[in-house]
Amino acid sequence: GNVQVILDGFAAMGFPNCGGAIDGTHIPILGPGHQGSQYINRKGYFSMVLQALVDHKGRFTNINVGWPGKVHDARVFRNSGLFRRLQEDIYFPEHKITVGDVEMPIVILGDPAYPLMP
């Protein structure tokens, strides 16, 4: 299915068995009257966090939006539906490859805000 196209796409770029890349970005907003300070991000402007999982072409495959700008990417991730489905092992189909002598499941690439998970 569609997952195989993504796996093949990342493999062609040199990373095997990758189901996506994840990061958070800040969407600028006008400062809300209520709890405004929660929306000021570390760069000093009002924002909401958009967490995006993208495929090999940079297209959104999963998004989570609405957390105040002050909230760290790690917390947004831990509270997302994507995290729950990854924890329950229902987001990706079972598709392990062997690298050296290690069995490797489908992985998501992300910066250190995203924990190393099974």
N, C-alpha and C. Protein backbone atom coordinates (compact mmCIF):
# COMPACT_ATOMS: atom_id res chain seq x y z
N GLY A 1 0.82 -1.22 0.00
CA GLY A 1 0.00 0.00 0.00
C GLY A 1 0.85 1.26 0.00
N ASN A 2 0.27 2.34 0.50
CA ASN A 2 0.92 3.65 0.53
C ASN A 2 2.19 3.64 1.38
N VAL A 3 2.19 2.86 2.47
CA VAL A 3 3.36 2.80 3.35
C VAL A 3 4.58 2.29 2.58
N GLN A 4 4.37 1.29 1.73
CA GLN A 4 5.48 0.74 0.96
C GLN A 4 6.10 1.79 0.03
N VAL A 5 5.27 2.64 -0.54
CA VAL A 5 5.77 3.73 -1.40
C VAL A 5 6.68 4.66 -0.59
N ILE A 6 6.28 4.97 0.65
CA ILE A 6 7.07 5.83 1.53
C ILE A 6 8.37 5.14 1.92
N LEU A 7 8.29 3.85 2.30
CA LEU A 7 9.49 3.10 2.66
C LEU A 7 10.47 3.08 1.49
N ASP A 8 9.96 2.84 0.29
CA ASP A 8 10.82 2.81 -0.91
C ASP A 8 11.43 4.19 -1.16
N GLY A 9 10.65 5.25 -0.94
CA GLY A 9 11.12 6.61 -1.16
C GLY A 9 12.27 6.98 -0.24
N PHE A 10 12.13 6.67 1.05
CA PHE A 10 13.22 6.96 1.99
C PHE A 10 14.43 6.06 1.71
N ALA A 11 14.18 4.81 1.34
CA ALA A 11 15.28 3.90 1.03
C ALA A 11 16.09 4.43 -0.14
N ALA A 12 15.42 4.99 -1.12
CA ALA A 12 16.11 5.56 -2.28
C ALA A 12 16.99 6.75 -1.90
N MET A 13 16.61 7.42 -0.77
CA MET A 13 17.42 8.54 -0.26
C MET A 13 18.48 8.06 0.71
N GLY A 14 18.56 6.74 0.94
CA GLY A 14 19.62 6.20 1.77
C GLY A 14 19.24 5.80 3.17
N PHE A 15 17.93 5.88 3.52
CA PHE A 15 17.53 5.44 4.86
C PHE A 15 16.46 4.37 4.74
N PRO A 16 16.84 3.10 5.01
CA PRO A 16 15.88 2.00 4.85
C PRO A 16 14.84 1.92 5.96
N ASN A 17 13.68 1.41 5.59
CA ASN A 17 12.58 1.12 6.52
C ASN A 17 12.13 2.33 7.34
N CYS A 18 12.12 3.49 6.70
CA CYS A 18 11.69 4.72 7.35
C CYS A 18 10.28 5.08 6.89
N GLY A 19 9.38 5.25 7.88
CA GLY A 19 7.99 5.56 7.58
C GLY A 19 7.67 7.04 7.61
N GLY A 20 8.67 7.89 7.94
CA GLY A 20 8.41 9.32 7.96
C GLY A 20 9.43 10.08 8.76
N ALA A 21 9.34 11.39 8.67
CA ALA A 21 10.18 12.29 9.47
C ALA A 21 9.24 13.22 10.23
N ILE A 22 9.62 13.52 11.50
CA ILE A 22 8.72 14.31 12.35
C ILE A 22 9.44 15.54 12.91
N ASP A 23 8.69 16.62 13.08
CA ASP A 23 9.18 17.79 13.79
C ASP A 23 8.01 18.69 14.15
N GLY A 24 8.29 19.65 14.98
CA GLY A 24 7.30 20.66 15.33
C GLY A 24 7.73 21.98 14.73
N THR A 25 6.75 22.81 14.40
CA THR A 25 7.05 24.15 13.91
C THR A 25 6.06 25.12 14.55
N HIS A 26 6.43 26.38 14.57
CA HIS A 26 5.59 27.39 15.21
C HIS A 26 4.81 28.19 14.17
N ILE A 27 3.49 28.18 14.33
CA ILE A 27 2.61 28.96 13.45
C ILE A 27 2.31 30.27 14.18
N PRO A 28 2.77 31.40 13.62
CA PRO A 28 2.52 32.68 14.30
C PRO A 28 1.02 32.98 14.44
N ILE A 29 0.63 33.50 15.61
CA ILE A 29 -0.76 33.89 15.84
C ILE A 29 -0.78 35.26 16.51
N LEU A 30 -1.94 35.89 16.52
CA LEU A 30 -2.11 37.12 17.29
C LEU A 30 -2.22 36.71 18.75
N GLY A 31 -1.63 37.49 19.64
CA GLY A 31 -1.66 37.15 21.06
C GLY A 31 -3.08 37.11 21.59
N PRO A 32 -3.48 35.95 22.17
CA PRO A 32 -4.84 35.85 22.72
C PRO A 32 -4.96 36.63 24.01
N GLY A 33 -6.17 37.10 24.34
CA GLY A 33 -6.38 37.84 25.58
C GLY A 33 -6.27 36.94 26.79
N HIS A 34 -6.59 35.66 26.62
CA HIS A 34 -6.63 34.71 27.73
C HIS A 34 -5.37 33.85 27.74
N GLN A 35 -4.66 33.82 28.87
CA GLN A 35 -3.44 33.01 29.03
C GLN A 35 -2.42 33.29 27.92
N GLY A 36 -2.30 34.54 27.55
CA GLY A 36 -1.41 34.92 26.45
C GLY A 36 0.03 34.48 26.61
N SER A 37 0.55 34.52 27.84
CA SER A 37 1.96 34.20 28.05
C SER A 37 2.28 32.76 27.67
N GLN A 38 1.27 31.88 27.72
CA GLN A 38 1.48 30.48 27.33
C GLN A 38 1.78 30.33 25.84
N TYR A 39 1.39 31.34 25.08
CA TYR A 39 1.54 31.28 23.63
C TYR A 39 2.82 31.93 23.12
N ILE A 40 3.62 32.50 24.06
CA ILE A 40 4.89 33.10 23.63
C ILE A 40 5.94 32.00 23.59
N ASN A 41 6.50 31.75 22.41
CA ASN A 41 7.47 30.65 22.27
C ASN A 41 8.87 31.12 22.64
N ARG A 42 9.84 30.20 22.55
CA ARG A 42 11.20 30.52 22.99
C ARG A 42 11.86 31.58 22.13
N LYS A 43 11.30 31.84 20.95
CA LYS A 43 11.86 32.89 20.10
C LYS A 43 11.18 34.24 20.36
N GLY A 44 10.20 34.25 21.28
CA GLY A 44 9.63 35.51 21.72
C GLY A 44 8.38 35.99 21.02
N TYR A 45 7.80 35.17 20.14
CA TYR A 45 6.54 35.61 19.50
C TYR A 45 5.40 34.64 19.83
N PHE A 46 4.17 35.12 19.63
CA PHE A 46 2.99 34.30 19.89
C PHE A 46 2.85 33.25 18.80
N SER A 47 2.62 32.01 19.24
CA SER A 47 2.46 30.94 18.24
C SER A 47 1.68 29.77 18.79
N MET A 48 1.27 28.90 17.86
CA MET A 48 0.75 27.58 18.17
C MET A 48 1.73 26.59 17.54
N VAL A 49 1.86 25.43 18.19
CA VAL A 49 2.76 24.40 17.67
C VAL A 49 2.03 23.50 16.69
N LEU A 50 2.66 23.28 15.53
CA LEU A 50 2.18 22.30 14.56
C LEU A 50 3.20 21.16 14.54
N GLN A 51 2.76 19.96 14.95
CA GLN A 51 3.60 18.77 14.84
C GLN A 51 3.24 18.10 13.53
N ALA A 52 4.23 17.79 12.71
CA ALA A 52 3.95 17.15 11.44
C ALA A 52 4.84 15.94 11.21
N LEU A 53 4.19 14.87 10.75
CA LEU A 53 4.90 13.70 10.24
C LEU A 53 4.79 13.82 8.72
N VAL A 54 5.92 13.71 8.04
CA VAL A 54 5.90 13.85 6.58
C VAL A 54 6.47 12.61 5.91
N ASP A 55 6.08 12.42 4.66
CA ASP A 55 6.61 11.30 3.88
C ASP A 55 7.92 11.71 3.20
N HIS A 56 8.40 10.87 2.32
CA HIS A 56 9.67 11.08 1.62
C HIS A 56 9.67 12.29 0.70
N LYS A 57 8.49 12.80 0.39
CA LYS A 57 8.40 14.00 -0.46
C LYS A 57 8.04 15.24 0.36
N GLY A 58 8.04 15.10 1.69
CA GLY A 58 7.72 16.24 2.54
C GLY A 58 6.24 16.52 2.67
N ARG A 59 5.41 15.58 2.28
CA ARG A 59 3.96 15.75 2.37
C ARG A 59 3.47 15.29 3.73
N PHE A 60 2.53 16.05 4.33
CA PHE A 60 1.97 15.68 5.62
C PHE A 60 1.28 14.32 5.54
N THR A 61 1.59 13.44 6.49
CA THR A 61 0.84 12.19 6.62
C THR A 61 0.12 12.14 7.96
N ASN A 62 0.52 13.01 8.90
CA ASN A 62 -0.14 13.10 10.19
C ASN A 62 0.20 14.48 10.78
N ILE A 63 -0.81 15.18 11.30
CA ILE A 63 -0.53 16.46 11.96
C ILE A 63 -1.26 16.55 13.29
N ASN A 64 -0.73 17.40 14.16
CA ASN A 64 -1.35 17.71 15.44
C ASN A 64 -1.11 19.20 15.63
N VAL A 65 -2.17 19.97 15.83
CA VAL A 65 -2.00 21.41 15.95
C VAL A 65 -2.86 21.96 17.09
N GLY A 66 -2.41 23.05 17.70
CA GLY A 66 -3.22 23.72 18.70
C GLY A 66 -2.56 23.93 20.05
N TRP A 67 -1.42 23.25 20.31
CA TRP A 67 -0.73 23.49 21.58
C TRP A 67 -0.13 24.89 21.60
N PRO A 68 -0.16 25.56 22.77
CA PRO A 68 0.45 26.89 22.87
C PRO A 68 1.95 26.85 22.56
N GLY A 69 2.46 27.94 22.01
CA GLY A 69 3.85 28.03 21.59
C GLY A 69 4.89 27.74 22.65
N LYS A 70 4.53 27.93 23.91
CA LYS A 70 5.48 27.69 25.00
C LYS A 70 5.74 26.20 25.22
N VAL A 71 4.84 25.35 24.73
CA VAL A 71 4.92 23.90 24.96
C VAL A 71 6.01 23.26 24.09
N HIS A 72 6.85 22.43 24.71
CA HIS A 72 7.96 21.78 24.02
C HIS A 72 7.46 20.68 23.08
N ASP A 73 8.19 20.48 21.97
CA ASP A 73 7.84 19.45 20.99
C ASP A 73 7.66 18.07 21.64
N ALA A 74 8.48 17.76 22.64
CA ALA A 74 8.41 16.44 23.29
C ALA A 74 7.06 16.24 23.97
N ARG A 75 6.54 17.30 24.58
CA ARG A 75 5.25 17.20 25.27
C ARG A 75 4.10 17.10 24.27
N VAL A 76 4.20 17.86 23.19
CA VAL A 76 3.18 17.79 22.14
C VAL A 76 3.12 16.34 21.63
N PHE A 77 4.29 15.77 21.35
CA PHE A 77 4.36 14.40 20.83
C PHE A 77 3.75 13.40 21.80
N ARG A 78 4.16 13.47 23.08
CA ARG A 78 3.67 12.51 24.08
C ARG A 78 2.16 12.55 24.26
N ASN A 79 1.56 13.67 23.93
CA ASN A 79 0.11 13.83 24.09
C ASN A 79 -0.66 13.69 22.77
N SER A 80 0.02 13.25 21.73
CA SER A 80 -0.63 13.15 20.42
C SER A 80 -1.21 11.76 20.16
N GLY A 81 -2.19 11.72 19.30
CA GLY A 81 -2.77 10.45 18.86
C GLY A 81 -1.73 9.60 18.16
N LEU A 82 -0.82 10.25 17.45
CA LEU A 82 0.26 9.51 16.78
C LEU A 82 1.08 8.72 17.80
N PHE A 83 1.45 9.37 18.91
CA PHE A 83 2.22 8.70 19.96
C PHE A 83 1.47 7.48 20.49
N ARG A 84 0.17 7.66 20.77
CA ARG A 84 -0.63 6.55 21.30
C ARG A 84 -0.66 5.38 20.32
N ARG A 85 -0.84 5.67 19.06
CA ARG A 85 -0.91 4.59 18.07
C ARG A 85 0.44 3.93 17.85
N LEU A 86 1.52 4.70 17.98
CA LEU A 86 2.86 4.09 17.89
C LEU A 86 3.11 3.20 19.10
N GLN A 87 2.70 3.67 20.30
CA GLN A 87 2.84 2.89 21.54
C GLN A 87 2.09 1.56 21.43
N GLU A 88 0.89 1.62 20.84
CA GLU A 88 0.05 0.43 20.72
C GLU A 88 0.45 -0.41 19.51
N ASP A 89 1.46 0.07 18.77
CA ASP A 89 1.98 -0.64 17.61
C ASP A 89 0.93 -0.86 16.53
N ILE A 90 0.06 0.16 16.34
CA ILE A 90 -0.99 0.04 15.32
C ILE A 90 -0.87 1.10 14.22
N TYR A 91 0.17 1.95 14.31
CA TYR A 91 0.28 3.00 13.29
C TYR A 91 0.82 2.45 11.97
N PHE A 92 1.88 1.66 12.05
CA PHE A 92 2.49 1.07 10.87
C PHE A 92 2.19 -0.41 10.79
N PRO A 93 2.16 -0.96 9.57
CA PRO A 93 2.04 -2.41 9.47
C PRO A 93 3.34 -3.05 9.96
N GLU A 94 3.26 -4.34 10.32
CA GLU A 94 4.45 -5.09 10.74
C GLU A 94 5.36 -5.22 9.53
N HIS A 95 6.56 -4.65 9.60
CA HIS A 95 7.49 -4.71 8.46
C HIS A 95 8.90 -4.54 8.96
N LYS A 96 9.51 -5.64 9.39
CA LYS A 96 10.88 -5.57 9.91
C LYS A 96 11.88 -5.94 8.82
N ILE A 97 13.03 -5.28 8.86
CA ILE A 97 14.13 -5.67 7.98
C ILE A 97 15.31 -6.04 8.88
N THR A 98 16.26 -6.77 8.33
CA THR A 98 17.44 -7.14 9.11
C THR A 98 18.61 -6.29 8.65
N VAL A 99 19.22 -5.59 9.62
CA VAL A 99 20.38 -4.75 9.34
C VAL A 99 21.53 -5.33 10.16
N GLY A 100 22.51 -5.87 9.47
CA GLY A 100 23.55 -6.61 10.18
C GLY A 100 22.90 -7.84 10.79
N ASP A 101 22.88 -7.91 12.13
CA ASP A 101 22.15 -9.01 12.77
C ASP A 101 21.03 -8.47 13.67
N VAL A 102 20.58 -7.25 13.36
CA VAL A 102 19.54 -6.61 14.16
C VAL A 102 18.24 -6.50 13.36
N GLU A 103 17.13 -6.89 13.98
CA GLU A 103 15.83 -6.72 13.35
C GLU A 103 15.38 -5.29 13.59
N MET A 104 15.06 -4.60 12.51
CA MET A 104 14.69 -3.19 12.61
C MET A 104 13.26 -2.99 12.12
N PRO A 105 12.40 -2.44 13.00
CA PRO A 105 11.02 -2.15 12.56
C PRO A 105 11.00 -0.88 11.72
N ILE A 106 9.83 -0.53 11.22
CA ILE A 106 9.67 0.77 10.55
C ILE A 106 9.98 1.85 11.57
N VAL A 107 10.78 2.83 11.18
CA VAL A 107 11.16 3.92 12.09
C VAL A 107 10.71 5.28 11.57
N ILE A 108 10.66 6.23 12.48
CA ILE A 108 10.40 7.64 12.16
C ILE A 108 11.66 8.39 12.55
N LEU A 109 12.09 9.29 11.69
CA LEU A 109 13.27 10.10 11.99
C LEU A 109 12.84 11.41 12.65
N GLY A 110 13.56 11.79 13.71
CA GLY A 110 13.25 13.04 14.40
C GLY A 110 14.43 13.50 15.20
N ASP A 111 14.39 14.75 15.65
CA ASP A 111 15.49 15.30 16.46
C ASP A 111 15.35 14.81 17.91
N PRO A 112 16.24 15.23 18.82
CA PRO A 112 16.21 14.69 20.19
C PRO A 112 14.94 14.97 21.00
N ALA A 113 14.03 15.80 20.53
CA ALA A 113 12.76 16.00 21.22
C ALA A 113 11.93 14.72 21.21
N TYR A 114 12.23 13.85 20.25
CA TYR A 114 11.43 12.63 20.05
C TYR A 114 12.19 11.44 20.61
N PRO A 115 11.56 10.71 21.55
CA PRO A 115 12.27 9.63 22.24
C PRO A 115 12.54 8.44 21.33
N LEU A 116 13.60 7.69 21.68
CA LEU A 116 13.86 6.43 21.01
C LEU A 116 12.82 5.45 21.54
N MET A 117 12.02 4.90 20.64
CA MET A 117 10.94 3.98 21.03
C MET A 117 11.12 2.68 20.28
N PRO A 118 10.53 1.59 20.81
CA PRO A 118 10.63 0.29 20.09
C PRO A 118 10.07 0.39 18.67
